Amino acid sequence: MQEHNGFKVAGVKILPVVLRQSTAVAVIRIESQHVSRNLGALSMMSAMTPCRRLAVIALLPLALSACTRQRYIETTIRNESGGELRTVEVDYPGGSFGTTRLSVGQTFRYRFKPLHTGASKLLYVENGKEYSFNGPDLKEAVGGVMSIEIRPANTPQRVMWIYTAEVK
């Protein structure tokens, strides 16, 4: 069980708690000068004033959303090709991203969320010639870290992909 920082409204402390990666609950704690105790949801709600009840009900979805983790892929594209790259684009299931120019030694960072399961692809233009390289297969709602290094033309592996998926 992992506890996150909560927030306090009208003397009521709401603590989001992650039981498992896919399950989130909120623990509601009443704190005052004289009493500090954990109560069940039903008995606690009846012990609150209407204003506090409304605050808890309004803020409960926010507390639960703090527990859920979005699955993004943090991507880095690095140009080590020896020449300037133009129209650098990465296609992924459900979208694409890129930059108009990537100088030698420059790095471009982007974070995205695959919307479907499928293959990724890198496209770019160098010295007026278009290049296309297939990348790893990505799964919907699976995050991770992806590194793409574009190397000189005389190297055996022109584009080096390193993708590490998060384990659920």
Protein backbone atom coordinates (compact mmCIF):
# COMPACT_ATOMS: atom_id res chain seq x y z
CA MET A 1 0.00 0.00 0.00
CA GLN A 2 1.37 3.39 -0.99
CA GLU A 3 0.09 6.61 0.61
CA HIS A 4 0.26 9.94 -1.18
CA ASN A 5 0.16 13.44 0.29
CA GLY A 6 -3.41 14.42 0.92
CA PHE A 7 -5.13 17.73 1.38
CA LYS A 8 -7.26 19.24 4.11
CA VAL A 9 -10.58 21.07 3.69
CA ALA A 10 -12.72 22.33 6.57
CA GLY A 11 -10.88 20.14 9.08
CA VAL A 12 -11.26 17.02 6.94
CA LYS A 13 -8.08 15.40 5.64
CA ILE A 14 -8.39 13.33 2.46
CA LEU A 15 -5.52 10.91 1.77
CA PRO A 16 -5.43 9.09 -1.55
CA VAL A 17 -4.03 5.57 -1.15
CA VAL A 18 -2.93 3.17 -3.90
CA LEU A 19 -3.57 -0.47 -2.98
CA ARG A 20 -2.42 -1.83 -6.34
CA GLN A 21 -1.43 -0.15 -9.59
CA SER A 22 -4.99 -0.46 -10.89
CA THR A 23 -6.93 0.20 -7.66
CA ALA A 24 -7.20 3.48 -5.82
CA VAL A 25 -9.14 4.42 -2.70
CA ALA A 26 -9.30 7.50 -0.51
CA VAL A 27 -8.95 7.39 3.25
CA ILE A 28 -10.83 10.23 4.90
CA ARG A 29 -9.57 11.34 8.29
CA ILE A 30 -11.22 13.81 10.63
CA GLU A 31 -8.77 15.85 12.67
CA SER A 32 -9.52 18.39 15.37
CA GLN A 33 -7.88 19.66 18.53
CA HIS A 34 -9.54 17.07 20.73
CA VAL A 35 -10.09 14.10 18.49
CA SER A 36 -8.22 12.44 15.66
CA ARG A 37 -9.69 9.20 14.34
CA ASN A 38 -10.30 7.20 11.20
CA LEU A 39 -13.95 6.54 10.51
CA GLY A 40 -15.77 4.39 7.99
CA ALA A 41 -17.34 6.31 5.12
CA LEU A 42 -20.94 5.98 6.33
CA SER A 43 -20.40 6.75 10.00
CA MET A 44 -18.04 9.59 9.15
CA MET A 45 -20.46 11.24 6.72
CA SER A 46 -23.24 11.23 9.33
CA ALA A 47 -20.89 12.77 11.93
CA MET A 48 -20.05 15.74 9.65
CA THR A 49 -21.77 19.05 9.23
CA PRO A 50 -23.51 19.56 5.87
CA CYS A 51 -20.75 21.95 4.74
CA ARG A 52 -18.02 19.41 5.47
CA ARG A 53 -20.05 16.64 3.82
CA LEU A 54 -20.36 18.72 0.66
CA ALA A 55 -16.62 19.50 0.68
CA VAL A 56 -15.72 15.81 1.01
CA ILE A 57 -18.12 14.73 -1.72
CA ALA A 58 -16.84 17.46 -4.07
CA LEU A 59 -13.17 16.69 -3.46
CA LEU A 60 -13.30 12.88 -3.37
CA PRO A 61 -12.95 12.47 -7.18
CA LEU A 62 -9.90 14.74 -7.07
CA ALA A 63 -8.34 12.60 -4.33
CA LEU A 64 -8.95 9.42 -6.29
CA SER A 65 -7.59 10.90 -9.51
CA ALA A 66 -4.34 11.73 -7.71
CA CYS A 67 -3.84 7.97 -7.24
CA THR A 68 -4.29 6.95 -10.84
CA ARG A 69 -1.23 6.99 -12.99
CA GLN A 70 -1.32 7.95 -16.62
CA ARG A 71 0.76 5.69 -18.85
CA TYR A 72 3.03 7.90 -20.92
CA ILE A 73 6.17 7.12 -22.90
CA GLU A 74 8.98 9.58 -22.25
CA THR A 75 10.85 9.85 -25.57
CA THR A 76 14.26 11.28 -26.42
CA ILE A 77 15.49 11.67 -30.02
CA ARG A 78 19.21 12.42 -30.35
CA ASN A 79 20.94 13.41 -33.60
CA GLU A 80 24.44 11.89 -33.82
CA SER A 81 24.31 11.56 -37.64
CA GLY A 82 26.90 14.22 -38.40
CA GLY A 83 24.41 16.34 -40.37
CA GLU A 84 21.34 18.44 -39.68
CA LEU A 85 18.00 16.62 -39.85
CA ARG A 86 14.76 18.19 -41.11
CA THR A 87 11.13 17.21 -40.55
CA VAL A 88 11.86 14.63 -37.84
CA GLU A 89 8.64 12.73 -37.06
CA VAL A 90 7.73 9.74 -34.90
CA ASP A 91 4.49 7.97 -35.76
CA TYR A 92 2.91 5.89 -33.01
CA PRO A 93 -0.45 4.12 -32.63
CA GLY A 94 -2.99 6.92 -32.51
CA GLY A 95 -0.80 9.93 -33.32
CA SER A 96 2.54 11.46 -34.22
CA PHE A 97 4.95 14.11 -32.99
CA GLY A 98 8.15 15.69 -34.17
CA THR A 99 10.26 18.75 -34.81
CA THR A 100 11.09 20.71 -37.95
CA ARG A 101 14.85 20.68 -37.33
CA LEU A 102 17.35 18.68 -35.26
CA SER A 103 20.95 19.92 -35.34
CA VAL A 104 23.99 17.68 -34.79
CA GLY A 105 24.25 16.70 -31.13
CA GLN A 106 20.82 18.16 -30.34
CA THR A 107 18.21 16.24 -28.36
CA PHE A 108 14.42 16.49 -28.72
CA ARG A 109 12.19 15.28 -25.88
CA TYR A 110 8.49 14.46 -26.00
CA ARG A 111 5.98 12.59 -23.87
CA PHE A 112 3.07 10.73 -25.46
CA LYS A 113 0.42 8.16 -24.69
CA PRO A 114 -0.23 5.34 -27.21
CA LEU A 115 -3.96 5.29 -27.95
CA HIS A 116 -3.89 1.90 -29.70
CA THR A 117 -1.59 -1.10 -30.02
CA GLY A 118 0.71 -1.09 -33.02
CA ALA A 119 4.09 -0.24 -34.54
CA SER A 120 6.07 2.97 -34.24
CA LYS A 121 8.08 4.57 -37.03
CA LEU A 122 10.72 7.30 -37.39
CA LEU A 123 10.76 9.54 -40.48
CA TYR A 124 13.19 12.36 -41.27
CA VAL A 125 14.90 14.23 -44.10
CA GLU A 126 18.71 14.50 -44.31
CA ASN A 127 20.48 16.26 -47.19
CA GLY A 128 17.22 16.32 -49.17
CA LYS A 129 16.68 12.54 -48.91
CA GLU A 130 13.78 11.02 -46.95
CA TYR A 131 14.47 8.19 -44.49
CA SER A 132 12.05 5.87 -42.74
CA PHE A 133 12.83 3.34 -39.98
CA ASN A 134 10.46 0.97 -38.20
CA GLY A 135 10.46 1.09 -34.42
CA PRO A 136 9.19 -1.11 -31.61
CA ASP A 137 5.59 -2.23 -31.22
CA LEU A 138 3.76 -0.22 -28.57
CA LYS A 139 0.76 -1.29 -26.53
CA GLU A 140 -2.22 0.82 -25.58
CA ALA A 141 -2.01 2.31 -22.07
CA VAL A 142 1.53 0.97 -21.46
CA GLY A 143 4.06 3.63 -20.53
CA GLY A 144 7.82 3.57 -20.46
CA VAL A 145 10.98 5.21 -21.72
CA MET A 146 12.06 5.33 -25.37
CA SER A 147 15.41 6.52 -26.67
CA ILE A 148 16.04 7.02 -30.39
CA GLU A 149 19.57 7.76 -31.55
CA ILE A 150 20.20 8.64 -35.19
CA ARG A 151 23.76 7.65 -36.15
CA PRO A 152 26.01 8.40 -39.14
CA ALA A 153 25.14 6.79 -42.50
CA ASN A 154 28.26 4.56 -42.48
CA THR A 155 27.28 2.73 -39.25
CA PRO A 156 25.71 -0.76 -39.44
CA GLN A 157 22.65 0.26 -37.42
CA ARG A 158 21.64 3.75 -38.58
CA VAL A 159 18.91 4.21 -35.97
CA MET A 160 19.22 2.77 -32.47
CA TRP A 161 15.90 2.29 -30.66
CA ILE A 162 15.84 1.49 -26.95
CA TYR A 163 12.37 1.02 -25.47
CA THR A 164 11.71 -0.06 -21.91
CA ALA A 165 8.05 -0.64 -21.08
CA GLU A 166 6.70 -0.17 -17.57
CA VAL A 167 5.54 -3.32 -15.86
CA LYS A 168 2.00 -3.08 -14.48
